[in-house]
Amino acid sequence: MKKISVILFLFFIIAPDFLQAQCAMCRAVLESGENTTTAEGVNNGIVYLMAIPYILVGGVFYFIYKRMK
């Protein structure tokens, strides 16, 4: 179990560099300009906002699992 949790932790740390998540409106507005650093910042923000609830829910289930065991 410890090995799986370490792998998941590393995935969530490394994943934002590989994932590209944007809504259609954000992408259209950001791609129309020449400033790519803004687009990258918005993209990273969306990925982090998406990952945090999953990490919190995973932590809750982990503590429930440990408590039941």
C-alpha atoms as a PDB file:
ATOM      1  CA  MET A   1       0.000   0.000   0.000  1.00  0.00           C
ATOM      2  CA  LYS A   2       2.854   2.366   0.807  1.00  0.00           C
ATOM      3  CA  LYS A   3       4.408   1.818  -2.619  1.00  0.00           C
ATOM      4  CA  ILE A   4       1.141   2.703  -4.368  1.00  0.00           C
ATOM      5  CA  SER A   5       0.711   5.893  -2.345  1.00  0.00           C
ATOM      6  CA  VAL A   6       4.270   6.986  -3.180  1.00  0.00           C
ATOM      7  CA  ILE A   7       3.654   6.332  -6.883  1.00  0.00           C
ATOM      8  CA  LEU A   8       0.406   8.324  -6.808  1.00  0.00           C
ATOM      9  CA  PHE A   9       2.087  11.174  -4.958  1.00  0.00           C
ATOM     10  CA  LEU A  10       4.872  11.330  -7.545  1.00  0.00           C
ATOM     11  CA  PHE A  11       2.321  11.179 -10.366  1.00  0.00           C
ATOM     12  CA  PHE A  12       0.463  14.215  -9.016  1.00  0.00           C
ATOM     13  CA  ILE A  13       3.706  16.118  -8.622  1.00  0.00           C
ATOM     14  CA  ILE A  14       4.954  15.310 -12.137  1.00  0.00           C
ATOM     15  CA  ALA A  15       1.620  15.177 -14.000  1.00  0.00           C
ATOM     16  CA  PRO A  16       1.008  18.936 -14.402  1.00  0.00           C
ATOM     17  CA  ASP A  17       4.077  19.148 -16.623  1.00  0.00           C
ATOM     18  CA  PHE A  18       2.611  16.590 -19.021  1.00  0.00           C
ATOM     19  CA  LEU A  19      -1.114  17.311 -18.904  1.00  0.00           C
ATOM     20  CA  GLN A  20      -2.804  20.047 -20.902  1.00  0.00           C
ATOM     21  CA  ALA A  21      -6.249  20.981 -19.578  1.00  0.00           C
ATOM     22  CA  GLN A  22      -8.126  24.054 -20.727  1.00  0.00           C
ATOM     23  CA  CYS A  23     -11.730  24.853 -21.448  1.00  0.00           C
ATOM     24  CA  ALA A  24     -12.580  25.873 -25.007  1.00  0.00           C
ATOM     25  CA  MET A  25     -13.129  29.542 -24.130  1.00  0.00           C
ATOM     26  CA  CYS A  26      -9.867  29.880 -22.213  1.00  0.00           C
ATOM     27  CA  ARG A  27      -7.956  28.207 -24.996  1.00  0.00           C
ATOM     28  CA  ALA A  28      -9.508  30.424 -27.695  1.00  0.00           C
ATOM     29  CA  VAL A  29      -8.756  33.634 -25.796  1.00  0.00           C
ATOM     30  CA  LEU A  30      -5.233  32.655 -24.798  1.00  0.00           C
ATOM     31  CA  GLU A  31      -4.203  31.302 -28.198  1.00  0.00           C
ATOM     32  CA  SER A  32      -5.291  34.490 -29.939  1.00  0.00           C
ATOM     33  CA  GLY A  33      -2.558  36.493 -28.172  1.00  0.00           C
ATOM     34  CA  GLU A  34       1.206  36.257 -28.512  1.00  0.00           C
ATOM     35  CA  ASN A  35       1.860  35.920 -24.787  1.00  0.00           C
ATOM     36  CA  THR A  36       2.392  32.177 -24.272  1.00  0.00           C
ATOM     37  CA  THR A  37       3.509  32.517 -20.645  1.00  0.00           C
ATOM     38  CA  THR A  38       0.001  33.621 -19.683  1.00  0.00           C
ATOM     39  CA  ALA A  39      -1.464  30.596 -21.441  1.00  0.00           C
ATOM     40  CA  GLU A  40       0.937  28.284 -19.625  1.00  0.00           C
ATOM     41  CA  GLY A  41       0.084  29.890 -16.290  1.00  0.00           C
ATOM     42  CA  VAL A  42      -3.659  29.464 -16.819  1.00  0.00           C
ATOM     43  CA  ASN A  43      -3.114  25.882 -17.958  1.00  0.00           C
ATOM     44  CA  ASN A  44      -1.068  25.024 -14.851  1.00  0.00           C
ATOM     45  CA  GLY A  45      -3.663  26.677 -12.624  1.00  0.00           C
ATOM     46  CA  ILE A  46      -6.440  24.570 -14.112  1.00  0.00           C
ATOM     47  CA  VAL A  47      -4.443  21.367 -13.624  1.00  0.00           C
ATOM     48  CA  TYR A  48      -3.655  22.204  -9.982  1.00  0.00           C
ATOM     49  CA  LEU A  49      -7.283  23.101  -9.271  1.00  0.00           C
ATOM     50  CA  MET A  50      -8.332  19.776 -10.788  1.00  0.00           C
ATOM     51  CA  ALA A  51      -5.803  17.731  -8.793  1.00  0.00           C
ATOM     52  CA  ILE A  52      -6.403  19.138  -5.310  1.00  0.00           C
ATOM     53  CA  PRO A  53      -9.895  17.615  -4.771  1.00  0.00           C
ATOM     54  CA  TYR A  54      -8.618  14.199  -5.841  1.00  0.00           C
ATOM     55  CA  ILE A  55      -5.721  14.425  -3.405  1.00  0.00           C
ATOM     56  CA  LEU A  56      -8.038  15.454  -0.565  1.00  0.00           C
ATOM     57  CA  VAL A  57     -10.521  12.639  -1.260  1.00  0.00           C
ATOM     58  CA  GLY A  58      -7.644  10.161  -1.539  1.00  0.00           C
ATOM     59  CA  GLY A  59      -6.322  11.327   1.817  1.00  0.00           C
ATOM     60  CA  VAL A  60      -9.731  10.882   3.450  1.00  0.00           C
ATOM     61  CA  PHE A  61     -10.065   7.354   2.068  1.00  0.00           C
ATOM     62  CA  TYR A  62      -6.514   6.564   3.182  1.00  0.00           C
ATOM     63  CA  PHE A  63      -7.267   7.611   6.764  1.00  0.00           C
ATOM     64  CA  ILE A  64     -10.526   5.646   6.721  1.00  0.00           C
ATOM     65  CA  TYR A  65      -8.639   2.616   5.432  1.00  0.00           C
ATOM     66  CA  LYS A  66      -5.983   2.934   8.145  1.00  0.00           C
ATOM     67  CA  ARG A  67      -8.665   3.388  10.818  1.00  0.00           C
ATOM     68  CA  MET A  68     -10.581   0.284   9.721  1.00  0.00           C
ATOM     69  CA  LYS A  69      -7.462  -1.868   9.533  1.00  0.00           C
END
